[in-house]
N, C-alpha and C. Protein backbone atom coordinates (compact mmCIF):
# COMPACT_ATOMS: atom_id res chain seq x y z
N MET A 1 32.24 25.81 -6.21
CA MET A 1 33.66 26.00 -6.37
C MET A 1 33.97 27.48 -6.14
N SER A 2 35.00 27.74 -5.40
CA SER A 2 35.36 29.12 -5.06
C SER A 2 36.09 29.80 -6.22
N PRO A 3 36.11 31.14 -6.20
CA PRO A 3 36.86 31.87 -7.24
C PRO A 3 38.34 31.47 -7.26
N VAL A 4 38.92 31.23 -6.10
CA VAL A 4 40.34 30.85 -6.03
C VAL A 4 40.56 29.50 -6.72
N GLU A 5 39.65 28.55 -6.50
CA GLU A 5 39.77 27.24 -7.14
C GLU A 5 39.63 27.34 -8.65
N ILE A 6 38.72 28.17 -9.11
CA ILE A 6 38.55 28.36 -10.56
C ILE A 6 39.79 29.01 -11.15
N GLN A 7 40.34 30.02 -10.47
CA GLN A 7 41.57 30.68 -10.94
C GLN A 7 42.72 29.68 -11.05
N LYS A 8 42.84 28.78 -10.09
CA LYS A 8 43.90 27.76 -10.14
C LYS A 8 43.75 26.89 -11.39
N LEU A 9 42.52 26.48 -11.69
CA LEU A 9 42.28 25.67 -12.88
C LEU A 9 42.61 26.44 -14.15
N LEU A 10 42.27 27.73 -14.18
CA LEU A 10 42.53 28.55 -15.36
C LEU A 10 44.01 28.79 -15.57
N LYS A 11 44.79 28.81 -14.49
CA LYS A 11 46.23 29.07 -14.59
C LYS A 11 47.06 27.81 -14.73
N GLY A 12 46.41 26.64 -14.69
CA GLY A 12 47.14 25.38 -14.79
C GLY A 12 47.90 25.26 -16.10
N GLN A 13 49.07 24.64 -16.02
CA GLN A 13 49.91 24.42 -17.20
C GLN A 13 50.17 22.94 -17.36
N PRO A 14 49.83 22.34 -18.47
CA PRO A 14 49.12 22.95 -19.59
C PRO A 14 47.65 23.14 -19.23
N PHE A 15 47.02 24.10 -19.88
CA PHE A 15 45.61 24.35 -19.62
C PHE A 15 44.78 23.18 -20.10
N VAL A 16 43.87 22.74 -19.25
CA VAL A 16 42.92 21.69 -19.60
C VAL A 16 41.55 22.34 -19.65
N GLY A 17 40.81 22.11 -20.70
CA GLY A 17 39.50 22.74 -20.85
C GLY A 17 38.60 22.49 -19.65
N LEU A 18 37.67 23.41 -19.44
CA LEU A 18 36.73 23.33 -18.33
C LEU A 18 35.31 23.28 -18.86
N ARG A 19 34.42 22.70 -18.08
CA ARG A 19 33.00 22.72 -18.41
C ARG A 19 32.25 23.21 -17.19
N PHE A 20 31.48 24.29 -17.36
CA PHE A 20 30.64 24.81 -16.29
C PHE A 20 29.24 24.23 -16.49
N CYS A 21 28.75 23.48 -15.51
CA CYS A 21 27.41 22.89 -15.55
C CYS A 21 26.51 23.73 -14.67
N ILE A 22 25.46 24.28 -15.27
CA ILE A 22 24.56 25.21 -14.60
C ILE A 22 23.38 24.43 -14.01
N SER A 23 22.80 24.96 -12.96
CA SER A 23 21.71 24.25 -12.26
C SER A 23 20.51 23.95 -13.15
N ASP A 24 20.31 24.71 -14.23
CA ASP A 24 19.17 24.43 -15.11
C ASP A 24 19.51 23.39 -16.19
N GLY A 25 20.70 22.79 -16.11
CA GLY A 25 21.09 21.74 -17.03
C GLY A 25 21.96 22.18 -18.18
N ARG A 26 22.09 23.48 -18.41
CA ARG A 26 22.96 23.95 -19.50
C ARG A 26 24.42 23.75 -19.12
N GLU A 27 25.26 23.57 -20.15
CA GLU A 27 26.69 23.40 -19.94
C GLU A 27 27.44 24.34 -20.88
N TYR A 28 28.54 24.91 -20.37
CA TYR A 28 29.37 25.82 -21.16
C TYR A 28 30.80 25.35 -21.08
N GLU A 29 31.40 25.12 -22.25
CA GLU A 29 32.79 24.66 -22.30
C GLU A 29 33.72 25.85 -22.50
N VAL A 30 34.85 25.78 -21.84
CA VAL A 30 35.89 26.80 -21.94
C VAL A 30 37.14 26.12 -22.51
N HIS A 31 37.58 26.59 -23.67
CA HIS A 31 38.72 25.98 -24.35
C HIS A 31 40.01 26.78 -24.20
N HIS A 32 39.89 27.98 -23.65
CA HIS A 32 41.08 28.82 -23.45
C HIS A 32 40.85 29.66 -22.20
N PRO A 33 41.86 29.82 -21.35
CA PRO A 33 41.67 30.56 -20.09
C PRO A 33 41.27 32.02 -20.28
N ASP A 34 41.59 32.60 -21.43
CA ASP A 34 41.21 34.00 -21.68
C ASP A 34 39.72 34.16 -21.92
N MET A 35 38.98 33.05 -22.02
CA MET A 35 37.53 33.12 -22.21
C MET A 35 36.78 33.38 -20.91
N VAL A 36 37.50 33.39 -19.77
CA VAL A 36 36.85 33.48 -18.46
C VAL A 36 37.44 34.62 -17.64
N LEU A 37 36.56 35.38 -16.99
CA LEU A 37 36.95 36.39 -16.03
C LEU A 37 36.23 36.05 -14.73
N VAL A 38 36.98 35.86 -13.66
CA VAL A 38 36.41 35.47 -12.38
C VAL A 38 36.51 36.64 -11.40
N THR A 39 35.38 36.99 -10.79
CA THR A 39 35.37 37.99 -9.73
C THR A 39 34.86 37.30 -8.46
N ASN A 40 34.74 38.05 -7.37
CA ASN A 40 34.29 37.43 -6.12
C ASN A 40 32.88 36.86 -6.21
N ARG A 41 32.02 37.45 -7.04
CA ARG A 41 30.62 37.03 -7.08
C ARG A 41 30.16 36.51 -8.43
N LEU A 42 30.89 36.83 -9.50
CA LEU A 42 30.45 36.45 -10.84
C LEU A 42 31.55 35.75 -11.61
N ILE A 43 31.11 34.91 -12.54
CA ILE A 43 32.00 34.29 -13.51
C ILE A 43 31.53 34.77 -14.87
N HIS A 44 32.40 35.42 -15.62
CA HIS A 44 32.08 35.91 -16.96
C HIS A 44 32.71 34.95 -17.96
N ILE A 45 31.90 34.41 -18.85
CA ILE A 45 32.40 33.48 -19.86
C ILE A 45 32.11 34.06 -21.24
N ALA A 46 33.15 34.18 -22.05
CA ALA A 46 32.98 34.63 -23.43
C ALA A 46 32.52 33.44 -24.26
N LEU A 47 31.43 33.64 -25.00
CA LEU A 47 30.87 32.57 -25.81
C LEU A 47 31.14 32.81 -27.28
N PRO A 48 31.47 31.76 -28.04
CA PRO A 48 31.62 31.93 -29.48
C PRO A 48 30.25 32.14 -30.12
N PRO A 49 30.13 32.62 -31.34
CA PRO A 49 31.24 32.85 -32.26
C PRO A 49 31.94 34.17 -31.99
N PHE A 50 33.21 34.19 -32.31
CA PHE A 50 34.00 35.40 -32.15
C PHE A 50 33.99 36.19 -33.46
N ILE A 51 33.85 37.48 -33.35
CA ILE A 51 33.85 38.36 -34.51
C ILE A 51 35.10 39.23 -34.43
N GLU A 52 36.01 39.05 -35.38
CA GLU A 52 37.26 39.80 -35.41
C GLU A 52 37.98 39.72 -34.07
N GLY A 53 38.04 38.53 -33.47
CA GLY A 53 38.79 38.31 -32.24
C GLY A 53 38.08 38.70 -30.96
N GLU A 54 36.86 39.22 -31.06
CA GLU A 54 36.12 39.61 -29.86
C GLU A 54 34.88 38.74 -29.71
N PRO A 55 34.53 38.40 -28.48
CA PRO A 55 33.37 37.54 -28.30
C PRO A 55 32.07 38.24 -28.69
N TYR A 56 31.18 37.45 -29.23
CA TYR A 56 29.87 37.96 -29.62
C TYR A 56 28.96 38.12 -28.40
N LEU A 57 29.15 37.27 -27.41
CA LEU A 57 28.27 37.24 -26.25
C LEU A 57 29.05 36.86 -25.00
N PHE A 58 28.72 37.47 -23.88
CA PHE A 58 29.27 37.09 -22.60
C PHE A 58 28.16 36.50 -21.76
N LEU A 59 28.49 35.48 -21.02
CA LEU A 59 27.56 34.88 -20.08
C LEU A 59 28.06 35.22 -18.68
N MET A 60 27.18 35.75 -17.84
CA MET A 60 27.56 36.06 -16.46
C MET A 60 26.85 35.09 -15.53
N LEU A 61 27.63 34.37 -14.74
CA LEU A 61 27.07 33.41 -13.79
C LEU A 61 27.26 33.93 -12.38
N ASN A 62 26.19 33.95 -11.61
CA ASN A 62 26.27 34.34 -10.22
C ASN A 62 26.63 33.13 -9.39
N ARG A 63 27.62 33.24 -8.54
CA ARG A 63 28.09 32.11 -7.74
C ARG A 63 27.11 31.71 -6.65
N ASN A 64 26.18 32.54 -6.31
CA ASN A 64 25.28 32.23 -5.18
C ASN A 64 24.27 31.18 -5.53
């Protein structure tokens, strides 16, 4: 999926949650569009638990 396609899904109204399925079998659910930052080569996903409103961990996925 291209960055543009992911951005369209993130900007959809109303937002519908997304699930990123990784090639090693892991899955990451996104419940809010602010949990994801999309660049040309990477997808950054904020993972819970959140501490005082900030994510504890970010996951970076390479699109290649």
